[in-house]
C-alpha atoms as a PDB file:
ATOM      1  CA  UNK A   1      82.887 -34.143 -25.107  1.00  0.00           C
ATOM      2  CA  UNK A   2      79.500 -32.350 -26.096  1.00  0.00           C
ATOM      3  CA  UNK A   3      77.619 -35.533 -26.413  1.00  0.00           C
ATOM      4  CA  UNK A   4      77.254 -36.058 -22.458  1.00  0.00           C
ATOM      5  CA  UNK A   5      76.661 -32.396 -21.295  1.00  0.00           C
ATOM      6  CA  UNK A   6      73.252 -32.509 -23.711  1.00  0.00           C
ATOM      7  CA  UNK A   7      72.256 -35.866 -22.324  1.00  0.00           C
ATOM      8  CA  UNK A   8      72.608 -33.805 -18.505  1.00  0.00           C
ATOM      9  CA  UNK A   9      70.537 -30.768 -19.945  1.00  0.00           C
ATOM     10  CA  UNK A  10      67.683 -32.765 -21.379  1.00  0.00           C
ATOM     11  CA  UNK A  11      67.594 -34.720 -18.450  1.00  0.00           C
ATOM     12  CA  UNK A  12      67.338 -31.524 -16.027  1.00  0.00           C
ATOM     13  CA  UNK A  13      65.012 -30.228 -18.365  1.00  0.00           C
ATOM     14  CA  UNK A  14      62.840 -32.946 -17.817  1.00  0.00           C
ATOM     15  CA  UNK A  15      63.524 -32.680 -14.498  1.00  0.00           C
ATOM     16  CA  UNK A  16      62.536 -29.210 -14.069  1.00  0.00           C
ATOM     17  CA  UNK A  17      59.185 -29.662 -16.047  1.00  0.00           C
ATOM     18  CA  UNK A  18      57.961 -32.030 -13.679  1.00  0.00           C
ATOM     19  CA  UNK A  19      58.333 -29.537 -10.999  1.00  0.00           C
ATOM     20  CA  UNK A  20      56.734 -27.149 -12.164  1.00  0.00           C
ATOM     21  CA  UNK A  21      53.640 -29.766 -12.908  1.00  0.00           C
ATOM     22  CA  UNK A  22      53.459 -31.001  -9.632  1.00  0.00           C
ATOM     23  CA  UNK A  23      53.966 -27.298  -8.307  1.00  0.00           C
ATOM     24  CA  UNK A  24      50.603 -26.330 -10.569  1.00  0.00           C
ATOM     25  CA  UNK A  25      48.792 -29.227  -9.608  1.00  0.00           C
ATOM     26  CA  UNK A  26      49.519 -27.814  -5.598  1.00  0.00           C
ATOM     27  CA  UNK A  27      49.205 -24.345  -6.473  1.00  0.00           C
ATOM     28  CA  UNK A  28      46.188 -24.573  -8.936  1.00  0.00           C
ATOM     29  CA  UNK A  29      42.535 -26.234  -7.221  1.00  0.00           C
ATOM     30  CA  UNK A  30      40.933 -28.878  -9.419  1.00  0.00           C
ATOM     31  CA  UNK A  31      37.019 -28.502  -9.759  1.00  0.00           C
ATOM     32  CA  UNK A  32      35.106 -30.484  -7.064  1.00  0.00           C
ATOM     33  CA  UNK A  33      33.479 -33.388  -8.869  1.00  0.00           C
ATOM     34  CA  UNK A  34      31.036 -33.664  -5.854  1.00  0.00           C
ATOM     35  CA  UNK A  35      27.011 -31.471  -6.375  1.00  0.00           C
ATOM     36  CA  UNK A  36      27.595 -28.055  -5.309  1.00  0.00           C
ATOM     37  CA  UNK A  37      24.217 -26.339  -4.052  1.00  0.00           C
ATOM     38  CA  UNK A  38      23.272 -22.924  -4.517  1.00  0.00           C
ATOM     39  CA  UNK A  39      20.143 -20.672  -4.023  1.00  0.00           C
ATOM     40  CA  UNK A  40      19.110 -17.112  -4.182  1.00  0.00           C
ATOM     41  CA  UNK A  41      16.486 -15.462  -1.164  1.00  0.00           C
ATOM     42  CA  UNK A  42      12.900 -14.787  -2.405  1.00  0.00           C
ATOM     43  CA  UNK A  43      10.486 -13.345  -0.755  1.00  0.00           C
ATOM     44  CA  UNK A  44       6.781 -13.678  -1.548  1.00  0.00           C
ATOM     45  CA  UNK A  45       4.586 -10.823  -0.877  1.00  0.00           C
ATOM     46  CA  UNK A  46       1.219  -9.646  -0.472  1.00  0.00           C
ATOM     47  CA  UNK A  47       0.259  -5.869  -0.112  1.00  0.00           C
ATOM     48  CA  UNK A  48      -3.193  -5.761   1.966  1.00  0.00           C
ATOM     49  CA  UNK A  49      -4.866  -2.481   2.405  1.00  0.00           C
ATOM     50  CA  UNK A  50      -3.297  -2.179   6.581  1.00  0.00           C
ATOM     51  CA  UNK A  51      -1.446  -4.867   6.783  1.00  0.00           C
ATOM     52  CA  UNK A  52       1.127  -6.753   4.292  1.00  0.00           C
ATOM     53  CA  UNK A  53       2.452 -10.778   4.253  1.00  0.00           C
ATOM     54  CA  UNK A  54       6.025 -11.335   3.507  1.00  0.00           C
ATOM     55  CA  UNK A  55       7.310 -15.240   3.008  1.00  0.00           C
ATOM     56  CA  UNK A  56      11.345 -16.103   2.730  1.00  0.00           C
ATOM     57  CA  UNK A  57      11.964 -18.939   0.850  1.00  0.00           C
ATOM     58  CA  UNK A  58      14.608 -20.166  -1.195  1.00  0.00           C
ATOM     59  CA  UNK A  59      14.957 -22.460  -4.252  1.00  0.00           C
ATOM     60  CA  UNK A  60      17.734 -24.806  -4.468  1.00  0.00           C
ATOM     61  CA  UNK A  61      20.157 -25.533  -7.634  1.00  0.00           C
ATOM     62  CA  UNK A  62      22.821 -28.216  -8.014  1.00  0.00           C
ATOM     63  CA  UNK A  63      25.714 -28.277 -10.206  1.00  0.00           C
ATOM     64  CA  UNK A  64      28.956 -30.224 -10.462  1.00  0.00           C
ATOM     65  CA  UNK A  65      31.647 -27.925  -9.578  1.00  0.00           C
ATOM     66  CA  UNK A  66      32.347 -24.551  -8.013  1.00  0.00           C
ATOM     67  CA  UNK A  67      33.111 -23.569 -11.477  1.00  0.00           C
ATOM     68  CA  UNK A  68      29.276 -23.284 -12.143  1.00  0.00           C
ATOM     69  CA  UNK A  69      27.914 -21.332  -9.306  1.00  0.00           C
ATOM     70  CA  UNK A  70      26.941 -18.383 -10.571  1.00  0.00           C
ATOM     71  CA  UNK A  71      24.924 -20.285 -13.217  1.00  0.00           C
ATOM     72  CA  UNK A  72      23.148 -22.044 -10.388  1.00  0.00           C
ATOM     73  CA  UNK A  73      22.283 -19.203  -8.760  1.00  0.00           C
ATOM     74  CA  UNK A  74      20.978 -17.646 -12.523  1.00  0.00           C
ATOM     75  CA  UNK A  75      19.353 -21.272 -12.535  1.00  0.00           C
ATOM     76  CA  UNK A  76      17.887 -20.768  -8.979  1.00  0.00           C
ATOM     77  CA  UNK A  77      16.455 -17.021 -10.145  1.00  0.00           C
ATOM     78  CA  UNK A  78      14.240 -18.691 -12.585  1.00  0.00           C
ATOM     79  CA  UNK A  79      13.009 -21.383 -10.753  1.00  0.00           C
ATOM     80  CA  UNK A  80      11.745 -19.001  -8.129  1.00  0.00           C
ATOM     81  CA  UNK A  81       9.903 -16.939 -10.649  1.00  0.00           C
ATOM     82  CA  UNK A  82       8.973 -20.019 -12.947  1.00  0.00           C
ATOM     83  CA  UNK A  83       7.147 -21.541  -9.004  1.00  0.00           C
ATOM     84  CA  UNK A  84       5.339 -18.249  -8.118  1.00  0.00           C
ATOM     85  CA  UNK A  85       3.961 -17.415 -11.370  1.00  0.00           C
ATOM     86  CA  UNK A  86       3.152 -21.137 -12.276  1.00  0.00           C
ATOM     87  CA  UNK A  87       1.271 -21.692  -9.055  1.00  0.00           C
ATOM     88  CA  UNK A  88      -0.297 -18.060  -9.535  1.00  0.00           C
ATOM     89  CA  UNK A  89      -1.771 -19.236 -12.684  1.00  0.00           C
ATOM     90  CA  UNK A  90      -3.348 -22.227 -10.744  1.00  0.00           C
ATOM     91  CA  UNK A  91      -3.955 -20.534  -8.007  1.00  0.00           C
ATOM     92  CA  UNK A  92      -7.530 -21.842  -7.819  1.00  0.00           C
ATOM     93  CA  UNK A  93      -6.719 -25.491  -7.911  1.00  0.00           C
ATOM     94  CA  UNK A  94      -5.122 -27.555  -4.736  1.00  0.00           C
ATOM     95  CA  UNK A  95      -1.454 -28.143  -5.774  1.00  0.00           C
ATOM     96  CA  UNK A  96       1.602 -26.218  -6.715  1.00  0.00           C
ATOM     97  CA  UNK A  97       4.614 -26.798  -9.020  1.00  0.00           C
ATOM     98  CA  UNK A  98       6.646 -29.929  -7.592  1.00  0.00           C
ATOM     99  CA  UNK A  99       9.949 -27.477  -7.131  1.00  0.00           C
ATOM    100  CA  UNK A 100       7.796 -25.003  -5.077  1.00  0.00           C
ATOM    101  CA  UNK A 101       9.064 -27.179  -2.076  1.00  0.00           C
ATOM    102  CA  UNK A 102       7.642 -26.337   1.745  1.00  0.00           C
ATOM    103  CA  UNK A 103      10.858 -27.740   2.738  1.00  0.00           C
ATOM    104  CA  UNK A 104      12.612 -24.638   1.028  1.00  0.00           C
ATOM    105  CA  UNK A 105      10.277 -22.340   2.958  1.00  0.00           C
ATOM    106  CA  UNK A 106       7.585 -22.096   0.084  1.00  0.00           C
ATOM    107  CA  UNK A 107       4.281 -21.253   1.858  1.00  0.00           C
ATOM    108  CA  UNK A 108       1.892 -22.280  -0.335  1.00  0.00           C
ATOM    109  CA  UNK A 109      -0.369 -25.402  -1.028  1.00  0.00           C
ATOM    110  CA  UNK A 110      -3.853 -23.681  -2.782  1.00  0.00           C
ATOM    111  CA  UNK A 111      -2.321 -20.772  -3.320  1.00  0.00           C
ATOM    112  CA  UNK A 112      -5.681 -18.884  -3.253  1.00  0.00           C
ATOM    113  CA  UNK A 113      -7.423 -20.330  -0.493  1.00  0.00           C
ATOM    114  CA  UNK A 114      -4.609 -20.144   1.937  1.00  0.00           C
ATOM    115  CA  UNK A 115      -3.718 -16.660   0.923  1.00  0.00           C
ATOM    116  CA  UNK A 116      -7.086 -15.335   1.401  1.00  0.00           C
ATOM    117  CA  UNK A 117      -7.097 -16.699   4.859  1.00  0.00           C
ATOM    118  CA  UNK A 118      -4.026 -15.151   5.873  1.00  0.00           C
ATOM    119  CA  UNK A 119      -4.452 -12.035   4.168  1.00  0.00           C
ATOM    120  CA  UNK A 120      -7.885 -11.614   5.759  1.00  0.00           C
ATOM    121  CA  UNK A 121      -6.205 -12.937   9.218  1.00  0.00           C
ATOM    122  CA  UNK A 122      -3.981  -9.855   9.028  1.00  0.00           C
ATOM    123  CA  UNK A 123      -6.394  -7.214   8.241  1.00  0.00           C
ATOM    124  CA  UNK A 124      -9.874  -8.085   9.787  1.00  0.00           C
ATOM    125  CA  UNK A 125     -13.322  -6.808   9.114  1.00  0.00           C
ATOM    126  CA  UNK A 126     -13.418  -6.222   5.773  1.00  0.00           C
ATOM    127  CA  UNK A 127     -15.523  -8.312   3.195  1.00  0.00           C
ATOM    128  CA  UNK A 128     -13.257  -7.829   0.312  1.00  0.00           C
ATOM    129  CA  UNK A 129     -10.530  -5.499  -1.239  1.00  0.00           C
ATOM    130  CA  UNK A 130      -7.833  -5.883  -3.681  1.00  0.00           C
ATOM    131  CA  UNK A 131      -4.378  -6.918  -3.027  1.00  0.00           C
ATOM    132  CA  UNK A 132      -0.841  -7.106  -5.430  1.00  0.00           C
ATOM    133  CA  UNK A 133       1.215 -10.388  -5.324  1.00  0.00           C
ATOM    134  CA  UNK A 134       4.963 -10.016  -6.315  1.00  0.00           C
ATOM    135  CA  UNK A 135       8.910 -11.467  -5.691  1.00  0.00           C
ATOM    136  CA  UNK A 136      11.653  -9.855  -4.496  1.00  0.00           C
ATOM    137  CA  UNK A 137      14.936 -11.911  -5.186  1.00  0.00           C
ATOM    138  CA  UNK A 138      18.332 -11.176  -3.902  1.00  0.00           C
ATOM    139  CA  UNK A 139      21.871 -12.878  -3.287  1.00  0.00           C
ATOM    140  CA  UNK A 140      25.532 -13.595  -4.502  1.00  0.00           C
ATOM    141  CA  UNK A 141      26.443 -13.326  -8.169  1.00  0.00           C
ATOM    142  CA  UNK A 142      23.325 -14.670 -10.395  1.00  0.00           C
ATOM    143  CA  UNK A 143      20.449 -13.789  -8.850  1.00  0.00           C
ATOM    144  CA  UNK A 144      20.222 -10.231  -9.279  1.00  0.00           C
ATOM    145  CA  UNK A 145      21.294 -10.142 -12.917  1.00  0.00           C
ATOM    146  CA  UNK A 146      22.257  -6.391 -14.422  1.00  0.00           C
ATOM    147  CA  UNK A 147      21.147  -5.004 -11.112  1.00  0.00           C
ATOM    148  CA  UNK A 148      17.273  -5.871 -11.359  1.00  0.00           C
ATOM    149  CA  UNK A 149      16.627  -5.556  -7.522  1.00  0.00           C
ATOM    150  CA  UNK A 150      12.917  -4.386  -7.905  1.00  0.00           C
ATOM    151  CA  UNK A 151      10.223  -7.054  -7.178  1.00  0.00           C
ATOM    152  CA  UNK A 152       8.672  -8.936 -10.475  1.00  0.00           C
ATOM    153  CA  UNK A 153       4.781  -8.224 -10.355  1.00  0.00           C
ATOM    154  CA  UNK A 154       3.025 -11.527  -9.988  1.00  0.00           C
ATOM    155  CA  UNK A 155      -0.976  -9.958 -10.151  1.00  0.00           C
ATOM    156  CA  UNK A 156      -2.264  -6.360  -9.518  1.00  0.00           C
ATOM    157  CA  UNK A 157      -5.779  -5.580  -7.916  1.00  0.00           C
ATOM    158  CA  UNK A 158      -7.112  -8.824  -7.416  1.00  0.00           C
ATOM    159  CA  UNK A 159      -9.628  -8.971  -5.510  1.00  0.00           C
ATOM    160  CA  UNK A 160     -10.231 -11.499  -2.685  1.00  0.00           C
ATOM    161  CA  UNK A 161     -13.227 -12.046  -0.755  1.00  0.00           C
ATOM    162  CA  UNK A 162     -13.155 -12.517   3.422  1.00  0.00           C
ATOM    163  CA  UNK A 163     -16.763 -13.574   3.954  1.00  0.00           C
ATOM    164  CA  UNK A 164     -18.676 -15.477   1.376  1.00  0.00           C
ATOM    165  CA  UNK A 165     -22.741 -14.203   1.888  1.00  0.00           C
ATOM    166  CA  UNK A 166     -25.064 -16.784   2.697  1.00  0.00           C
ATOM    167  CA  UNK A 167     -27.243 -17.819   0.070  1.00  0.00           C
ATOM    168  CA  UNK A 168     -30.948 -16.461  -0.061  1.00  0.00           C
ATOM    169  CA  UNK A 169     -33.530 -18.646   1.546  1.00  0.00           C
ATOM    170  CA  UNK A 170     -36.478 -18.645  -0.940  1.00  0.00           C
ATOM    171  CA  UNK A 171     -39.150 -20.997  -0.705  1.00  0.00           C
ATOM    172  CA  UNK A 172     -41.940 -21.304  -3.789  1.00  0.00           C
ATOM    173  CA  UNK A 173     -45.539 -21.150  -2.493  1.00  0.00           C
ATOM    174  CA  UNK A 174     -45.185 -19.893   0.354  1.00  0.00           C
ATOM    175  CA  UNK A 175     -45.979 -16.126   1.957  1.00  0.00           C
ATOM    176  CA  UNK A 176     -44.168 -14.097   4.608  1.00  0.00           C
ATOM    177  CA  UNK A 177     -47.137 -12.235   5.760  1.00  0.00           C
ATOM    178  CA  UNK A 178     -47.050  -8.790   7.746  1.00  0.00           C
ATOM    179  CA  UNK A 179     -44.100  -6.736   8.239  1.00  0.00           C
ATOM    180  CA  UNK A 180     -44.263  -4.678   5.046  1.00  0.00           C
ATOM    181  CA  UNK A 181     -42.675  -1.255   4.401  1.00  0.00           C
ATOM    182  CA  UNK A 182     -43.644  -0.901   0.825  1.00  0.00           C
ATOM    183  CA  UNK A 183     -45.321  -2.997  -1.887  1.00  0.00           C
ATOM    184  CA  UNK A 184     -46.141  -1.954  -5.634  1.00  0.00           C
ATOM    185  CA  UNK A 185     -47.781  -3.373  -8.399  1.00  0.00           C
ATOM    186  CA  UNK A 186     -44.717  -5.194 -11.175  1.00  0.00           C
ATOM    187  CA  UNK A 187     -44.324  -5.328 -15.259  1.00  0.00           C
ATOM    188  CA  UNK A 188     -46.105  -8.519 -16.028  1.00  0.00           C
ATOM    189  CA  UNK A 189     -43.036  -9.781 -17.626  1.00  0.00           C
ATOM    190  CA  UNK A 190     -40.961  -9.173 -14.440  1.00  0.00           C
ATOM    191  CA  UNK A 191     -40.512 -12.113 -12.032  1.00  0.00           C
ATOM    192  CA  UNK A 192     -39.617 -12.727  -7.973  1.00  0.00           C
ATOM    193  CA  UNK A 193     -36.057 -12.476  -9.128  1.00  0.00           C
ATOM    194  CA  UNK A 194     -36.675  -8.957  -9.556  1.00  0.00           C
ATOM    195  CA  UNK A 195     -38.220  -8.393  -6.613  1.00  0.00           C
ATOM    196  CA  UNK A 196     -35.612 -10.058  -4.733  1.00  0.00           C
ATOM    197  CA  UNK A 197     -32.796  -7.831  -6.310  1.00  0.00           C
ATOM    198  CA  UNK A 198     -34.611  -4.840  -5.232  1.00  0.00           C
ATOM    199  CA  UNK A 199     -34.562  -6.006  -1.776  1.00  0.00           C
ATOM    200  CA  UNK A 200     -31.115  -7.092  -2.119  1.00  0.00           C
ATOM    201  CA  UNK A 201     -30.307  -3.626  -3.235  1.00  0.00           C
ATOM    202  CA  UNK A 202     -31.820  -1.811  -0.334  1.00  0.00           C
ATOM    203  CA  UNK A 203     -30.778  -2.084   3.553  1.00  0.00           C
ATOM    204  CA  UNK A 204     -33.405  -1.648   5.247  1.00  0.00           C
ATOM    205  CA  UNK A 205     -34.846  -5.107   3.460  1.00  0.00           C
ATOM    206  CA  UNK A 206     -35.060  -8.459   5.336  1.00  0.00           C
ATOM    207  CA  UNK A 207     -37.082 -10.394   3.704  1.00  0.00           C
ATOM    208  CA  UNK A 208     -39.626 -10.030   1.001  1.00  0.00           C
ATOM    209  CA  UNK A 209     -42.393 -11.554  -0.977  1.00  0.00           C
ATOM    210  CA  UNK A 210     -43.546 -11.699  -5.235  1.00  0.00           C
ATOM    211  CA  UNK A 211     -47.313 -12.484  -5.618  1.00  0.00           C
ATOM    212  CA  UNK A 212     -47.566 -14.531  -9.347  1.00  0.00           C
ATOM    213  CA  UNK A 213     -49.827 -12.397 -11.368  1.00  0.00           C
ATOM    214  CA  UNK A 214     -53.419 -14.134 -11.521  1.00  0.00           C
ATOM    215  CA  UNK A 215     -56.625 -13.138 -14.623  1.00  0.00           C
ATOM    216  CA  UNK A 216     -55.806  -9.603 -15.169  1.00  0.00           C
ATOM    217  CA  UNK A 217     -54.120  -8.730 -12.070  1.00  0.00           C
ATOM    218  CA  UNK A 218     -50.592  -7.804 -12.192  1.00  0.00           C
ATOM    219  CA  UNK A 219     -48.077  -9.380  -9.931  1.00  0.00           C
ATOM    220  CA  UNK A 220     -46.891  -8.077  -6.479  1.00  0.00           C
ATOM    221  CA  UNK A 221     -43.462  -7.385  -4.919  1.00  0.00           C
ATOM    222  CA  UNK A 222     -43.713  -6.551  -0.856  1.00  0.00           C
ATOM    223  CA  UNK A 223     -40.789  -5.623   1.245  1.00  0.00           C
ATOM    224  CA  UNK A 224     -39.908  -6.299   4.355  1.00  0.00           C
ATOM    225  CA  UNK A 225     -38.145  -4.780   7.054  1.00  0.00           C
ATOM    226  CA  UNK A 226     -38.152  -8.236   9.206  1.00  0.00           C
ATOM    227  CA  UNK A 227     -38.403 -11.716   8.889  1.00  0.00           C
ATOM    228  CA  UNK A 228     -42.457 -13.050   9.518  1.00  0.00           C
ATOM    229  CA  UNK A 229     -43.720 -16.392  10.340  1.00  0.00           C
ATOM    230  CA  UNK A 230     -43.955 -18.585   7.046  1.00  0.00           C
ATOM    231  CA  UNK A 231     -47.411 -19.298   5.689  1.00  0.00           C
ATOM    232  CA  UNK A 232     -48.153 -21.830   2.510  1.00  0.00           C
ATOM    233  CA  UNK A 233     -50.065 -20.379   0.014  1.00  0.00           C
ATOM    234  CA  UNK A 234     -49.788 -21.083  -3.649  1.00  0.00           C
ATOM    235  CA  UNK A 235     -49.625 -17.477  -5.198  1.00  0.00           C
ATOM    236  CA  UNK A 236     -46.571 -16.464  -3.433  1.00  0.00           C
ATOM    237  CA  UNK A 237     -42.882 -16.972  -3.475  1.00  0.00           C
ATOM    238  CA  UNK A 238     -41.190 -15.718  -0.835  1.00  0.00           C
ATOM    239  CA  UNK A 239     -37.475 -15.366   0.377  1.00  0.00           C
ATOM    240  CA  UNK A 240     -35.296 -14.069   3.187  1.00  0.00           C
ATOM    241  CA  UNK A 241     -32.829 -11.763   1.948  1.00  0.00           C
ATOM    242  CA  UNK A 242     -29.148 -12.914   1.131  1.00  0.00           C
ATOM    243  CA  UNK A 243     -26.657 -10.641   0.424  1.00  0.00           C
ATOM    244  CA  UNK A 244     -26.044 -10.862  -3.180  1.00  0.00           C
ATOM    245  CA  UNK A 245     -28.803 -12.223  -5.754  1.00  0.00           C
ATOM    246  CA  UNK A 246     -27.830 -14.072  -9.049  1.00  0.00           C
END
């Protein structure tokens, strides 16, 4: 009879199919359901006049399973660039983007202040200089798309000031008599700020005195190569030299 043979064939076929499905389940791993963390390697680079600074850090991104590992690294790369560029844009404030985490090695809280302190300490003896800021990214697939290995520029020729000059001391109604190395009559529309600016521009000058115009007499400017004692006199404005007078 052919019917039992057909029934036997169908039963064997179902059995073989079940074995095949089980085998595939063993050979082909199922995607993991736990969070998978991936990151790229980043180095924040500060280029100084003699000595540079490098700060390695990472930003981790979590995905649902290993099938999205490359996507996680691409997102890590984007987050690194966004972190450094975003923090640079707010560099004068005491804050940073929340995804720039010190737990993962990110170095700064207040970018400008902390970078200035560090790069000035690495290049002592300079009052100010220009720096370049960049970030280099490396790692597995997704971290460096299309072999873009070159560092990403964040800022170029940014001036840092390692020493803030003292504000000049100016006293209205006070004279600094003596120790003049030169003096001259000024134009009537010139002020004590013009006298002080001339002092600031001459390395020999340590102090200055400006005499207000009186009657037909023009204003006078006295430049001094020392700092004599103060003497109260309402006809004068005097000051001790500061590095820059605005």
